[in-house]
Amino acid sequence: MINLKNAFFIALTTVSLLSCKSTAQKTAAIKESKKEVFSIIDKVNKHWQETHPEPGNAFWHVSAYHTGNMEAYKVTKNKKYLDYSLAWAGKNQWMGAKSNDKSEWKYNYGETDKHVLFGDWQICFQTYIDLYNFTGKNDSSKIARAREVMEYEMSTSANDYWWWVDGLYMVMPVMTKLYKVTGNEMYLEKLHSYLMYADGIMYDNEAKLYYRDAKYIFPKHKSTNGKKDFWARGDGWIFAGYAKIIQDLPKSAKHREEYINRFKDMAKALAEAQQTEGYWTRSILDPEHAPGSETSGTAFFTYGFLWGINNGILDKKTYLPVVEKSWNYLTQYALQEDGTVGYVQPIGEKAIPGQVVDKKSTADFGVGAFLLAASEMSRFVK
């Protein structure tokens, strides 16, 4: 027989545990309404645009911001976002690298106008195509350079255009977007050919993640603690890139299921590597290599997970807890009071031990990634 004192203690303990569980669930859960998510988007984007009133060039890091700005425009219909990207596109003459002499076009790394075939000069086409679609599809000059460059590239016998993982985010969506505009199946065929080359030199079948490029393949390259070194922003580029192309492909596309399976494999691997605070460290599988939070990779992953959940490709029960933690990190830690998106690793290509990444560390591409995640969150919440 249980005495009254023990019964009271058991009841009190049960209530306490239930209360703790409830509190934990409320803490982890996504609290914002759609209106509140829009407010977060506006806080971030208004701050960025007001502090960067002059349009930048069409190179990758500025262009990556505009991919996020376009997604923010899609969900909010805020004309200021549209006008900001239109002014930028106009300033850059709706071009990437500007050489018109095809005999000198290159696709190794380069920041010159000769590097027309280098993917870092092609990501701008994503936004130009979006702007073409948003403004009535009545001005073909907006996508003329994109078509000229990509159709020339596809006419060559080379398939090694994407030799670094960032390039997969930069250009894969250009090809699916142009396919949707033109109906030209060659865009999808060449996308697959180029991606198979990239997979052959960068994808790790065991870890289900991508190395940044061939220099970082294990065991030729190792992290500080002798592990495989997968760079968070690098895998963020490709995870987000898969989300972007899958959504553009018709259901009947030949390789669609192949891309979905790769996306699912990456999602599982990434979920297992998430830190308890919600972020991913710069070296995904070796948190001690470059410890601490990082926003750009985390934001790209959050976008990918949310897109997968929103479109029934990723299981909500399995992956929503991942998103709840990463969203909490992005909005409660990375986002600063004035609208700055902090803890963005500076431009680079790897996790660097000892590199300082703090609340003042921000960048255009990091803001773009944040806007992608927040825009997809606005589609998720009630």
Protein backbone atom coordinates (compact mmCIF):
# COMPACT_ATOMS: atom_id res chain seq x y z
CA MET A 1 0.00 0.00 0.00
CA ILE A 2 1.39 3.41 -0.97
CA ASN A 3 1.21 5.99 1.81
CA LEU A 4 -0.20 9.46 1.10
CA LYS A 5 3.21 11.14 1.33
CA ASN A 6 4.72 8.86 -1.36
CA ALA A 7 1.66 9.17 -3.58
CA PHE A 8 1.88 12.96 -3.41
CA PHE A 9 5.59 12.84 -4.30
CA ILE A 10 4.93 10.56 -7.32
CA ALA A 11 2.13 12.80 -8.56
CA LEU A 12 4.23 15.93 -8.12
CA THR A 13 7.17 14.37 -9.95
CA THR A 14 4.95 13.27 -12.84
CA VAL A 15 3.46 16.76 -13.20
CA SER A 16 6.93 18.28 -13.04
CA LEU A 17 8.27 15.97 -15.75
CA LEU A 18 5.27 16.63 -18.00
CA SER A 19 5.73 20.35 -17.45
CA CYS A 20 9.42 20.13 -18.37
CA LYS A 21 8.58 18.13 -21.49
CA SER A 22 5.93 20.66 -22.48
CA THR A 23 8.32 23.56 -21.92
CA ALA A 24 11.02 21.85 -24.00
CA GLN A 25 8.57 21.28 -26.81
CA LYS A 26 7.47 24.91 -26.75
CA THR A 27 11.07 26.05 -26.77
CA ALA A 28 11.94 23.88 -29.76
CA ALA A 29 8.77 24.49 -31.73
CA ILE A 30 8.52 27.12 -34.45
CA LYS A 31 6.59 29.95 -32.84
CA GLU A 32 6.26 32.52 -35.64
CA SER A 33 3.17 33.11 -37.73
CA LYS A 34 3.46 33.80 -41.46
CA LYS A 35 3.19 37.52 -40.71
CA GLU A 36 6.02 37.28 -38.20
CA VAL A 37 8.23 35.37 -40.67
CA PHE A 38 7.55 38.09 -43.26
CA SER A 39 8.64 40.60 -40.61
CA ILE A 40 11.93 38.73 -40.15
CA ILE A 41 12.46 38.69 -43.94
CA ASP A 42 11.83 42.42 -44.13
CA LYS A 43 14.08 43.18 -41.18
CA VAL A 44 16.98 41.35 -42.81
CA ASN A 45 16.40 42.50 -46.38
CA LYS A 46 15.61 46.11 -45.56
CA HIS A 47 18.82 46.35 -43.55
CA TRP A 48 20.90 44.82 -46.34
CA GLN A 49 19.45 46.94 -49.12
CA GLU A 50 19.59 50.19 -47.16
CA THR A 51 23.23 49.60 -46.23
CA HIS A 52 24.11 48.53 -49.80
CA PRO A 53 22.29 51.05 -52.02
CA GLU A 54 24.70 50.72 -54.97
CA PRO A 55 24.31 47.61 -57.15
CA GLY A 56 27.33 45.34 -57.05
CA ASN A 57 28.85 43.32 -59.87
CA ALA A 58 27.50 40.03 -61.24
CA PHE A 59 30.10 37.77 -59.61
CA TRP A 60 29.00 34.82 -57.47
CA HIS A 61 28.79 36.35 -53.99
CA VAL A 62 26.60 39.30 -55.01
CA SER A 63 24.53 37.06 -57.28
CA ALA A 64 23.98 34.55 -54.46
CA TYR A 65 22.36 37.32 -52.43
CA HIS A 66 19.99 38.02 -55.32
CA THR A 67 18.85 34.38 -55.46
CA GLY A 68 17.64 34.86 -51.87
CA ASN A 69 16.14 38.25 -52.68
CA MET A 70 14.15 36.69 -55.53
CA GLU A 71 12.76 34.02 -53.22
CA ALA A 72 11.81 36.72 -50.72
CA TYR A 73 10.01 38.60 -53.49
CA LYS A 74 8.13 35.45 -54.51
CA VAL A 75 6.59 35.03 -51.06
CA THR A 76 6.15 38.67 -49.97
CA LYS A 77 5.52 40.44 -53.32
CA ASN A 78 7.45 43.40 -51.89
CA LYS A 79 8.17 45.50 -54.98
CA LYS A 80 11.27 47.04 -53.37
CA TYR A 81 12.94 43.64 -53.60
CA LEU A 82 12.06 43.33 -57.28
CA ASP A 83 13.27 46.85 -58.06
CA TYR A 84 16.56 46.25 -56.21
CA SER A 85 17.37 43.22 -58.38
CA LEU A 86 16.19 44.94 -61.55
CA ALA A 87 18.57 47.84 -60.90
CA TRP A 88 21.41 45.39 -60.30
CA ALA A 89 20.68 43.41 -63.46
CA GLY A 90 20.49 46.59 -65.52
CA LYS A 91 23.78 47.87 -64.16
CA ASN A 92 25.41 44.59 -65.20
CA GLN A 93 23.79 44.69 -68.66
CA TRP A 94 22.03 41.37 -67.96
CA MET A 95 25.42 39.68 -68.37
CA GLY A 96 27.97 37.83 -66.27
CA ALA A 97 31.53 38.03 -67.59
CA LYS A 98 31.31 40.32 -70.60
CA SER A 99 33.70 39.07 -73.29
CA ASN A 100 32.09 38.59 -76.70
CA ASP A 101 35.08 36.76 -78.20
CA LYS A 102 34.16 33.08 -77.83
CA SER A 103 37.70 32.00 -78.70
CA GLU A 104 38.93 33.39 -75.38
CA TRP A 105 36.13 32.10 -73.11
CA LYS A 106 37.44 30.11 -70.11
CA TYR A 107 36.03 28.03 -67.28
CA ASN A 108 38.95 27.72 -64.88
CA TYR A 109 38.85 30.01 -61.85
CA GLY A 110 38.95 33.64 -62.89
CA GLU A 111 37.44 37.01 -62.12
CA THR A 112 38.00 38.52 -65.57
CA ASP A 113 35.60 39.09 -68.45
CA LYS A 114 37.21 36.17 -70.27
CA HIS A 115 35.85 33.66 -67.74
CA VAL A 116 32.41 33.55 -69.33
CA LEU A 117 32.11 29.77 -68.92
CA PHE A 118 33.12 29.77 -65.25
CA GLY A 119 30.08 29.09 -63.08
CA ASP A 120 30.77 31.93 -60.66
CA TRP A 121 29.90 34.28 -63.54
CA GLN A 122 26.76 32.31 -64.45
CA ILE A 123 24.77 32.30 -61.19
CA CYS A 124 23.55 35.80 -62.08
CA PHE A 125 21.50 34.17 -64.86
CA GLN A 126 19.24 32.59 -62.23
CA THR A 127 18.01 36.01 -61.19
CA TYR A 128 17.83 37.36 -64.73
CA ILE A 129 15.55 34.46 -65.67
CA ASP A 130 13.41 35.07 -62.58
CA LEU A 131 13.16 38.76 -63.45
CA TYR A 132 12.21 37.87 -67.02
CA ASN A 133 9.39 35.68 -65.65
CA PHE A 134 8.26 38.18 -63.00
CA THR A 135 8.04 41.10 -65.43
CA GLY A 136 5.84 39.48 -68.04
CA LYS A 137 8.16 37.36 -70.22
CA ASN A 138 7.98 40.09 -72.85
CA ASP A 139 11.61 41.20 -73.01
CA SER A 140 13.86 38.45 -74.34
CA SER A 141 16.94 40.69 -73.94
CA LYS A 142 16.83 39.87 -70.21
CA ILE A 143 17.75 36.25 -70.92
CA ALA A 144 19.59 36.64 -74.24
CA ARG A 145 23.07 36.48 -72.70
CA ALA A 146 22.11 33.56 -70.46
CA ARG A 147 20.93 31.59 -73.47
CA GLU A 148 23.94 32.57 -75.59
CA VAL A 149 26.43 31.46 -72.94
CA MET A 150 24.72 28.26 -71.85
CA GLU A 151 23.84 27.14 -75.38
CA TYR A 152 27.43 27.74 -76.49
CA GLU A 153 28.68 25.76 -73.49
CA MET A 154 26.34 22.88 -74.30
CA SER A 155 27.56 22.83 -77.90
CA THR A 156 31.07 21.89 -76.74
CA SER A 157 32.22 18.34 -76.03
CA ALA A 158 33.52 19.22 -72.53
CA ASN A 159 31.63 17.92 -69.50
CA ASP A 160 34.01 19.09 -66.75
CA TYR A 161 32.58 22.57 -66.27
CA TRP A 162 31.59 21.93 -62.61
CA TRP A 163 34.81 21.02 -60.87
CA TRP A 164 34.04 22.60 -57.47
CA VAL A 165 30.95 22.06 -55.35
CA ASP A 166 29.87 25.73 -55.21
CA GLY A 167 29.42 25.62 -58.97
CA LEU A 168 26.58 23.14 -58.60
CA TYR A 169 24.43 25.75 -56.85
CA MET A 170 25.63 28.45 -59.20
CA VAL A 171 24.63 26.77 -62.46
CA MET A 172 22.34 23.75 -62.02
CA PRO A 173 19.29 25.99 -61.42
CA VAL A 174 20.22 28.12 -64.43
CA MET A 175 19.81 25.05 -66.59
CA THR A 176 16.45 23.96 -65.15
CA LYS A 177 15.12 27.53 -65.31
CA LEU A 178 16.17 27.86 -68.96
CA TYR A 179 14.60 24.49 -69.68
CA LYS A 180 11.31 25.79 -68.29
CA VAL A 181 11.56 28.93 -70.43
CA THR A 182 12.64 27.25 -73.68
CA GLY A 183 11.47 23.64 -73.44
CA ASN A 184 14.91 22.61 -74.76
CA GLU A 185 15.63 19.11 -73.36
CA MET A 186 19.34 19.62 -73.96
CA TYR A 187 19.50 21.68 -70.76
CA LEU A 188 18.44 18.66 -68.71
CA GLU A 189 20.70 16.24 -70.59
CA LYS A 190 23.78 18.42 -70.13
CA LEU A 191 22.92 19.14 -66.51
CA HIS A 192 23.03 15.41 -65.86
CA SER A 193 26.28 14.96 -67.81
CA TYR A 194 28.03 17.78 -65.92
CA LEU A 195 26.66 16.58 -62.58
CA MET A 196 27.89 13.03 -63.17
CA TYR A 197 31.38 14.43 -63.75
CA ALA A 198 31.14 16.45 -60.53
CA ASP A 199 29.90 13.43 -58.59
CA GLY A 200 32.83 11.41 -59.88
CA ILE A 201 35.41 13.78 -58.42
CA MET A 202 33.67 15.18 -55.30
CA TYR A 203 30.95 12.88 -53.94
CA ASP A 204 31.71 10.47 -51.10
CA ASN A 205 29.44 7.41 -51.38
CA GLU A 206 30.08 6.36 -47.80
CA ALA A 207 29.45 9.71 -46.07
CA LYS A 208 26.75 10.79 -48.60
CA LEU A 209 28.32 14.25 -48.71
CA TYR A 210 30.39 16.29 -51.18
CA TYR A 211 33.97 17.45 -50.82
CA ARG A 212 34.59 21.02 -51.88
CA ASP A 213 36.69 19.81 -54.82
CA ALA A 214 39.18 17.07 -55.72
CA LYS A 215 41.90 18.60 -53.49
CA TYR A 216 39.96 17.67 -50.36
CA ILE A 217 39.27 13.99 -50.99
CA PHE A 218 40.09 11.69 -48.08
CA PRO A 219 42.68 10.36 -47.30
CA LYS A 220 44.74 12.73 -49.46
CA HIS A 221 43.32 15.51 -47.31
CA LYS A 222 42.19 15.10 -43.70
CA SER A 223 40.73 17.34 -41.03
CA THR A 224 42.78 18.27 -37.96
CA ASN A 225 41.69 15.07 -36.24
CA GLY A 226 42.26 12.81 -39.22
CA LYS A 227 38.65 12.71 -40.39
CA LYS A 228 36.95 13.36 -43.71
CA ASP A 229 36.69 17.12 -44.16
CA PHE A 230 33.35 18.20 -45.60
CA TRP A 231 32.96 21.98 -45.68
CA ALA A 232 29.54 23.13 -44.46
CA ARG A 233 28.97 25.94 -46.93
CA GLY A 234 30.10 23.68 -49.76
CA ASP A 235 27.55 21.02 -48.91
CA GLY A 236 25.05 23.81 -48.29
CA TRP A 237 25.47 24.97 -51.88
CA ILE A 238 24.71 21.56 -53.34
CA PHE A 239 21.92 20.62 -50.89
CA ALA A 240 20.12 23.87 -51.73
CA GLY A 241 20.97 23.33 -55.39
CA TYR A 242 19.20 19.98 -55.44
CA ALA A 243 16.11 21.55 -53.89
CA LYS A 244 16.14 24.24 -56.57
CA ILE A 245 16.43 21.89 -59.54
CA ILE A 246 14.01 19.22 -58.32
CA GLN A 247 11.26 21.84 -57.96
CA ASP A 248 11.81 22.96 -61.56
CA LEU A 249 11.80 19.50 -63.13
CA PRO A 250 8.66 17.99 -64.61
CA LYS A 251 7.46 14.87 -62.77
CA SER A 252 8.39 12.83 -65.84
CA ALA A 253 12.00 14.06 -66.04
CA LYS A 254 14.37 11.15 -66.62
CA HIS A 255 16.72 11.78 -63.68
CA ARG A 256 14.31 13.37 -61.20
CA GLU A 257 14.10 10.33 -58.88
CA GLU A 258 17.88 9.98 -58.98
CA TYR A 259 18.26 13.57 -57.74
CA ILE A 260 15.57 13.08 -55.09
CA ASN A 261 17.35 10.01 -53.73
CA ARG A 262 20.64 11.88 -53.56
CA PHE A 263 18.88 14.76 -51.77
CA LYS A 264 17.37 12.32 -49.25
CA ASP A 265 20.73 10.66 -48.61
CA MET A 266 22.32 14.03 -47.94
CA ALA A 267 19.46 15.03 -45.63
CA LYS A 268 19.99 11.95 -43.47
CA ALA A 269 23.75 12.52 -43.25
CA LEU A 270 23.34 16.21 -42.46
CA ALA A 271 20.70 15.63 -39.79
CA GLU A 272 23.04 13.28 -37.97
CA ALA A 273 25.83 15.90 -37.99
CA GLN A 274 23.79 18.83 -36.64
CA GLN A 275 25.06 20.31 -33.38
CA THR A 276 22.71 20.44 -30.38
CA GLU A 277 22.63 24.26 -30.65
CA GLY A 278 21.11 23.96 -34.11
CA TYR A 279 24.02 24.93 -36.36
CA TRP A 280 26.53 22.89 -38.37
CA THR A 281 30.22 23.43 -37.77
CA ARG A 282 32.38 24.47 -40.69
CA SER A 283 33.91 20.99 -40.99
CA ILE A 284 30.74 18.96 -40.81
CA LEU A 285 32.09 15.67 -39.43
CA ASP A 286 34.90 17.13 -37.29
CA PRO A 287 33.39 19.82 -35.03
CA GLU A 288 36.75 20.35 -33.29
CA HIS A 289 38.52 21.22 -36.56
CA ALA A 290 36.95 24.70 -36.61
CA PRO A 291 34.50 24.80 -33.69
CA GLY A 292 31.64 27.20 -33.25
CA SER A 293 28.59 28.35 -35.13
CA GLU A 294 28.42 29.19 -38.84
CA THR A 295 25.40 30.68 -40.57
CA SER A 296 25.75 30.31 -44.35
CA GLY A 297 25.92 26.52 -44.37
CA THR A 298 23.26 26.30 -41.67
CA ALA A 299 20.90 28.57 -43.62
CA PHE A 300 21.31 26.62 -46.85
CA PHE A 301 20.65 23.37 -44.98
CA THR A 302 17.58 24.88 -43.32
CA TYR A 303 16.24 25.94 -46.70
CA GLY A 304 16.80 22.45 -48.12
CA PHE A 305 15.17 20.66 -45.18
CA LEU A 306 12.18 22.99 -45.22
CA TRP A 307 11.72 22.69 -48.95
CA GLY A 308 11.86 18.91 -48.66
CA ILE A 309 9.25 18.90 -45.88
CA ASN A 310 7.00 21.40 -47.67
CA ASN A 311 6.99 19.28 -50.81
CA GLY A 312 6.52 15.87 -49.22
CA ILE A 313 10.00 14.64 -50.12
CA LEU A 314 11.40 14.61 -46.56
CA ASP A 315 9.46 13.06 -43.70
CA LYS A 316 8.12 15.83 -41.47
CA LYS A 317 8.25 13.81 -38.25
CA THR A 318 11.90 12.95 -38.84
CA TYR A 319 13.21 16.30 -40.05
CA LEU A 320 11.08 18.99 -38.44
CA PRO A 321 13.08 18.74 -35.18
CA VAL A 322 16.21 19.48 -37.25
CA VAL A 323 14.58 22.58 -38.71
CA GLU A 324 13.24 23.73 -35.35
CA LYS A 325 16.76 23.78 -33.93
CA SER A 326 18.40 25.40 -36.95
CA TRP A 327 15.64 28.01 -37.30
CA ASN A 328 16.04 28.86 -33.62
CA TYR A 329 19.78 29.31 -34.19
CA LEU A 330 19.24 31.49 -37.27
CA THR A 331 16.64 33.80 -35.70
CA GLN A 332 17.70 33.90 -32.06
CA TYR A 333 21.49 33.83 -32.40
CA ALA A 334 22.69 34.62 -35.92
CA LEU A 335 20.19 37.43 -36.55
CA GLN A 336 21.22 40.62 -34.76
CA GLU A 337 18.93 43.34 -33.46
CA ASP A 338 19.65 45.74 -36.34
CA GLY A 339 18.93 43.10 -39.02
CA THR A 340 22.52 41.99 -39.58
CA VAL A 341 22.96 38.28 -40.26
CA GLY A 342 26.05 37.34 -38.27
CA TYR A 343 28.41 34.36 -37.89
CA VAL A 344 28.87 34.02 -41.67
CA GLN A 345 32.22 32.49 -42.55
CA PRO A 346 34.05 34.89 -44.92
CA ILE A 347 34.72 34.05 -48.57
CA GLY A 348 36.90 30.96 -48.80
CA GLU A 349 36.79 27.29 -49.72
CA LYS A 350 37.33 25.34 -46.52
CA ALA A 351 36.99 25.23 -42.75
CA ILE A 352 39.97 27.11 -41.33
CA PRO A 353 41.10 26.30 -37.75
CA GLY A 354 41.34 29.44 -35.65
CA GLN A 355 39.45 31.67 -38.09
CA VAL A 356 37.30 34.17 -36.20
CA VAL A 357 33.61 34.06 -37.13
CA ASP A 358 31.46 36.22 -34.85
CA LYS A 359 28.26 38.27 -34.77
CA LYS A 360 29.89 40.96 -36.91
CA SER A 361 30.84 38.44 -39.63
CA THR A 362 28.32 38.99 -42.41
CA ALA A 363 28.30 38.76 -46.21
CA ASP A 364 25.95 39.10 -49.16
CA PHE A 365 25.83 35.36 -49.87
CA GLY A 366 25.06 34.64 -46.20
CA VAL A 367 22.14 37.08 -46.28
CA GLY A 368 20.94 35.39 -49.48
CA ALA A 369 21.04 31.99 -47.79
CA PHE A 370 19.13 33.35 -44.77
CA LEU A 371 16.45 34.79 -47.08
CA LEU A 372 16.08 31.43 -48.82
CA ALA A 373 15.50 29.71 -45.48
CA ALA A 374 13.10 32.36 -44.17
CA SER A 375 11.13 32.40 -47.42
CA GLU A 376 10.68 28.65 -47.28
CA MET A 377 9.71 28.94 -43.61
CA SER A 378 6.95 31.37 -44.60
CA ARG A 379 5.52 28.60 -46.78
CA PHE A 380 5.64 26.15 -43.88
CA VAL A 381 3.96 28.10 -41.08
CA LYS A 382 0.23 28.68 -40.77
